[in-house]
Amino acid sequence: MTLVVRGLHGNFRVIDAEDAEHGQVILKALEPFQSGRAAWNEGDLNLAQTHFAEVLAVNPHDALTKMYLGRCWGHLASGDVNGAWTSVLKMTLK
């Protein structure tokens, strides 16, 4: 299964599943991932981590989801969430 997005400057392959079963796993994880991203953008990191954990229950090898979940844990552990949440990670090291 291949998901192709048609863009202004051509087509881009986004998902290229090795088999139909893997493609179904990806599609099953899509909704909780999108919900997790929406919660992340709104600054609701507790809800975001719940959704990202749902993704990993379906697809435990999803590296992007693991990254977001780790960031949620880091921000929650440090108390680095306030009313000025922008969901933008500021890089301070090269």
Protein backbone atom coordinates (compact mmCIF):
# COMPACT_ATOMS: atom_id res chain seq x y z
CA MET A 1 0.00 0.00 0.00
CA THR A 2 1.34 3.41 -0.91
CA LEU A 3 -0.09 6.79 0.11
CA VAL A 4 0.75 9.49 -2.42
CA VAL A 5 0.09 13.16 -1.75
CA ARG A 6 -0.35 15.42 -4.74
CA GLY A 7 1.39 18.70 -4.17
CA LEU A 8 1.84 21.93 -6.06
CA HIS A 9 5.23 20.80 -7.39
CA GLY A 10 4.51 17.10 -7.92
CA ASN A 11 3.55 13.95 -6.10
CA PHE A 12 5.19 12.76 -2.89
CA ARG A 13 5.14 9.25 -1.46
CA VAL A 14 4.31 9.52 2.23
CA ILE A 15 3.61 5.92 3.25
CA ASP A 16 4.97 2.88 1.50
CA ALA A 17 3.84 -0.14 3.48
CA GLU A 18 5.62 -3.41 2.87
CA ASP A 19 2.37 -5.32 3.01
CA ALA A 20 -1.34 -4.73 3.51
CA GLU A 21 -1.18 -5.67 7.19
CA HIS A 22 1.48 -3.04 7.93
CA GLY A 23 -0.59 -0.50 6.03
CA GLN A 24 -3.59 -1.29 8.21
CA VAL A 25 -1.47 -0.78 11.35
CA ILE A 26 -0.42 2.64 10.09
CA LEU A 27 -3.99 3.63 9.29
CA LYS A 28 -5.21 2.36 12.68
CA ALA A 29 -2.61 4.53 14.44
CA LEU A 30 -3.37 7.64 12.39
CA GLU A 31 -6.38 8.91 14.35
CA PRO A 32 -4.79 8.70 17.83
CA PHE A 33 -1.59 10.26 16.43
CA GLN A 34 -3.55 13.18 14.99
CA SER A 35 -5.40 13.58 18.30
CA GLY A 36 -2.07 13.52 20.14
CA ARG A 37 -0.66 16.20 17.86
CA ALA A 38 -3.75 18.37 18.36
CA ALA A 39 -3.45 18.02 22.14
CA TRP A 40 0.30 18.78 21.89
CA ASN A 41 -0.38 21.94 19.90
CA GLU A 42 -2.97 23.05 22.48
CA GLY A 43 -0.53 22.41 25.34
CA ASP A 44 -2.56 19.57 26.89
CA LEU A 45 0.42 17.27 27.34
CA ASN A 46 -1.38 14.85 29.64
CA LEU A 47 -3.95 14.17 26.93
CA ALA A 48 -1.26 14.14 24.25
CA GLN A 49 0.74 11.47 26.04
CA THR A 50 -2.43 9.35 26.39
CA HIS A 51 -3.01 9.50 22.63
CA PHE A 52 0.64 8.82 21.81
CA ALA A 53 0.56 5.78 24.13
CA GLU A 54 -2.45 4.53 22.13
CA VAL A 55 -0.39 4.81 18.94
CA LEU A 56 2.46 2.83 20.44
CA ALA A 57 0.02 0.13 21.57
CA VAL A 58 -0.89 -0.34 17.89
CA ASN A 59 2.53 0.37 16.36
CA PRO A 60 5.31 0.03 18.96
CA HIS A 61 8.05 0.92 16.44
CA ASP A 62 6.71 4.37 15.51
CA ALA A 63 9.77 6.59 16.02
CA LEU A 64 7.96 9.92 15.60
CA THR A 65 5.38 8.98 18.22
CA LYS A 66 8.17 7.91 20.60
CA MET A 67 9.80 11.31 20.08
CA TYR A 68 6.60 13.22 20.92
CA LEU A 69 5.88 11.01 23.92
CA GLY A 70 9.39 11.61 25.23
CA ARG A 71 8.97 15.34 24.80
CA CYS A 72 5.66 15.21 26.69
CA TRP A 73 7.35 13.39 29.57
CA GLY A 74 10.23 15.85 29.57
CA HIS A 75 8.02 18.94 29.63
CA LEU A 76 5.71 17.49 32.27
CA ALA A 77 8.62 16.40 34.48
CA SER A 78 10.26 19.82 34.32
CA GLY A 79 7.03 21.79 34.69
CA ASP A 80 7.91 23.50 31.41
CA VAL A 81 4.29 24.13 30.44
CA ASN A 82 2.66 27.46 31.04
CA GLY A 83 0.04 29.75 29.55
CA ALA A 84 2.43 30.81 26.77
CA TRP A 85 2.71 27.28 25.27
CA THR A 86 3.68 27.46 21.60
CA SER A 87 4.51 23.76 20.96
CA VAL A 88 7.74 24.95 19.36
CA LEU A 89 10.94 23.35 20.60
CA LYS A 90 13.72 25.90 20.98
CA MET A 91 17.11 24.37 20.19
CA THR A 92 19.86 25.76 22.40
CA LEU A 93 22.73 23.47 21.37
CA LYS A 94 24.34 22.67 18.05
